[in-house]
Amino acid sequence: MKPTTVARYRDYVTHDLISALGALKLDELGHRHIAAYAHTQLESGHGPVTVHRCLATLSSALGDAVRQHRLAHNPARPAVISRPAAPERRVWTPQEAVRFLDYCHDADPLIADLCELLIGTRHAQRRSARPALGRRPS
């Protein structure tokens, strides 16, 4: 099971950020410390997406400290590393969409109805595509 977003943030803070930067006082933390942290993480084999998420978590917390007047500026800005590019996405063929919805209907009919609503298909359209997949209409 994937960890929740809150659990992931907690892991970033407790396992990554505090262990690397926790000895510094908030007003001592500078862009150079954050840049060194990022480069160390990347060199030790952490993926760019994970490092970017850790830095985004840190930047968010530091931005909150600025808003609460605990810091004059956010030392995590500008960003140390740019956001990694998302992988290229491709659009499903109608047959792939039908196969996905059929699977959903077998696994969890309520989720399947939600998926059909989000995808924008109608039940009749889905049924008409089934024979192309070699399945009998239900």
Protein backbone atom coordinates (compact mmCIF):
# COMPACT_ATOMS: atom_id res chain seq x y z
CA MET A 1 0.00 0.00 0.00
CA LYS A 2 1.27 3.46 -0.89
CA PRO A 3 1.86 5.84 2.00
CA THR A 4 -0.49 8.78 2.26
CA THR A 5 0.71 12.24 1.37
CA VAL A 6 0.91 13.21 5.04
CA ALA A 7 2.95 10.09 5.84
CA ARG A 8 5.25 10.84 2.92
CA TYR A 9 5.76 14.42 4.14
CA ARG A 10 6.50 13.09 7.62
CA ASP A 11 9.10 10.72 6.17
CA TYR A 12 10.73 13.52 4.17
CA VAL A 13 10.95 15.68 7.26
CA THR A 14 12.01 13.08 9.83
CA HIS A 15 14.24 10.83 7.72
CA ASP A 16 15.71 13.22 5.19
CA LEU A 17 15.52 16.88 6.14
CA ILE A 18 16.02 16.77 9.91
CA SER A 19 18.89 14.30 9.68
CA ALA A 20 20.66 16.52 7.13
CA LEU A 21 19.73 20.04 8.23
CA GLY A 22 18.34 19.68 11.75
CA ALA A 23 21.53 20.80 13.52
CA LEU A 24 21.20 24.29 12.00
CA LYS A 25 19.16 27.01 13.64
CA LEU A 26 16.36 28.30 11.46
CA ASP A 27 17.95 31.72 10.99
CA GLU A 28 21.32 30.07 10.08
CA LEU A 29 19.85 27.97 7.29
CA GLY A 30 20.93 29.32 3.96
CA HIS A 31 20.56 28.54 0.28
CA ARG A 32 24.06 27.00 0.26
CA HIS A 33 23.00 24.44 2.91
CA ILE A 34 19.93 23.50 0.93
CA ALA A 35 21.92 23.25 -2.32
CA ALA A 36 24.52 21.05 -0.62
CA TYR A 37 21.74 18.84 0.77
CA ALA A 38 20.18 18.44 -2.69
CA HIS A 39 23.47 17.60 -4.39
CA THR A 40 24.40 15.11 -1.65
CA GLN A 41 21.03 13.40 -1.98
CA LEU A 42 21.34 13.13 -5.76
CA GLU A 43 24.92 11.86 -5.55
CA SER A 44 23.92 9.22 -3.00
CA GLY A 45 21.38 7.78 -5.41
CA HIS A 46 18.12 9.43 -4.43
CA GLY A 47 15.98 10.13 -7.46
CA PRO A 48 15.39 13.67 -8.70
CA VAL A 49 11.63 13.39 -8.07
CA THR A 50 12.18 12.42 -4.42
CA VAL A 51 14.77 15.16 -3.88
CA HIS A 52 12.47 17.71 -5.52
CA ARG A 53 9.59 16.64 -3.27
CA CYS A 54 11.80 16.94 -0.18
CA LEU A 55 12.87 20.42 -1.26
CA ALA A 56 9.27 21.40 -2.00
CA THR A 57 8.28 20.25 1.49
CA LEU A 58 11.12 22.27 3.00
CA SER A 59 10.29 25.33 0.89
CA SER A 60 6.66 25.15 1.96
CA ALA A 61 7.63 25.05 5.64
CA LEU A 62 10.12 27.89 5.21
CA GLY A 63 7.51 29.92 3.31
CA ASP A 64 5.20 29.49 6.27
CA ALA A 65 7.99 30.72 8.58
CA VAL A 66 8.31 33.83 6.38
CA ARG A 67 4.55 34.45 6.57
CA GLN A 68 4.73 34.13 10.38
CA HIS A 69 7.66 36.60 10.44
CA ARG A 70 10.07 34.02 11.85
CA LEU A 71 12.31 34.41 8.77
CA ALA A 72 12.98 37.40 6.53
CA HIS A 73 13.14 35.29 3.37
CA ASN A 74 12.78 31.69 2.19
CA PRO A 75 16.28 30.26 1.68
CA ALA A 76 14.83 27.44 -0.43
CA ARG A 77 13.94 30.04 -3.10
CA PRO A 78 14.92 30.06 -5.88
CA ALA A 79 14.56 26.33 -6.24
CA VAL A 80 17.85 24.43 -6.09
CA ILE A 81 16.80 21.90 -8.72
CA SER A 82 14.07 22.32 -11.27
CA ARG A 83 10.97 20.18 -11.22
CA PRO A 84 11.65 16.91 -13.05
CA ALA A 85 9.73 16.52 -16.28
CA ALA A 86 6.70 14.28 -16.08
CA PRO A 87 6.82 11.20 -18.28
CA GLU A 88 5.05 11.58 -21.59
CA ARG A 89 1.46 10.43 -21.39
CA ARG A 90 -0.49 8.74 -24.08
CA VAL A 91 -4.22 8.60 -24.65
CA TRP A 92 -5.88 5.22 -24.33
CA THR A 93 -7.50 3.71 -27.37
CA PRO A 94 -11.24 3.04 -26.98
CA GLN A 95 -10.45 -0.66 -26.60
CA GLU A 96 -7.97 0.03 -23.79
CA ALA A 97 -10.54 2.21 -22.02
CA VAL A 98 -13.16 -0.53 -22.32
CA ARG A 99 -10.73 -3.13 -20.98
CA PHE A 100 -9.97 -0.86 -18.01
CA LEU A 101 -13.67 -0.25 -17.31
CA ASP A 102 -14.45 -3.97 -17.60
CA TYR A 103 -11.74 -4.68 -15.06
CA CYS A 104 -13.14 -1.97 -12.78
CA HIS A 105 -16.66 -3.39 -13.04
CA ASP A 106 -15.35 -6.78 -11.97
CA ALA A 107 -13.16 -5.39 -9.18
CA ASP A 108 -15.34 -2.61 -7.77
CA PRO A 109 -18.57 -1.58 -9.55
CA LEU A 110 -18.91 1.72 -7.65
CA ILE A 111 -15.42 2.80 -8.67
CA ALA A 112 -16.19 1.68 -12.22
CA ASP A 113 -19.23 3.98 -12.32
CA LEU A 114 -17.09 6.86 -11.06
CA CYS A 115 -14.42 6.09 -13.68
CA GLU A 116 -17.04 6.04 -16.43
CA LEU A 117 -18.32 9.39 -15.22
CA LEU A 118 -14.79 10.85 -15.18
CA ILE A 119 -13.82 9.35 -18.54
CA GLY A 120 -17.07 10.57 -20.03
CA THR A 121 -18.32 7.32 -21.48
CA ARG A 122 -21.88 6.18 -21.54
CA HIS A 123 -22.86 2.62 -20.80
CA ALA A 124 -24.24 2.11 -24.31
CA GLN A 125 -21.00 3.32 -25.88
CA ARG A 126 -19.01 0.99 -23.68
CA ARG A 127 -21.21 -1.96 -24.58
CA SER A 128 -20.91 -1.28 -28.30
CA ALA A 129 -17.10 -1.42 -28.05
CA ARG A 130 -17.10 -4.78 -26.25
CA PRO A 131 -17.59 -6.98 -29.31
CA ALA A 132 -14.38 -5.49 -30.74
CA LEU A 133 -12.61 -7.04 -27.75
CA GLY A 134 -14.22 -10.42 -28.31
CA ARG A 135 -16.56 -10.15 -25.34
CA ARG A 136 -20.24 -10.72 -25.30
CA PRO A 137 -22.37 -7.67 -24.42
CA SER A 138 -23.86 -7.95 -20.93
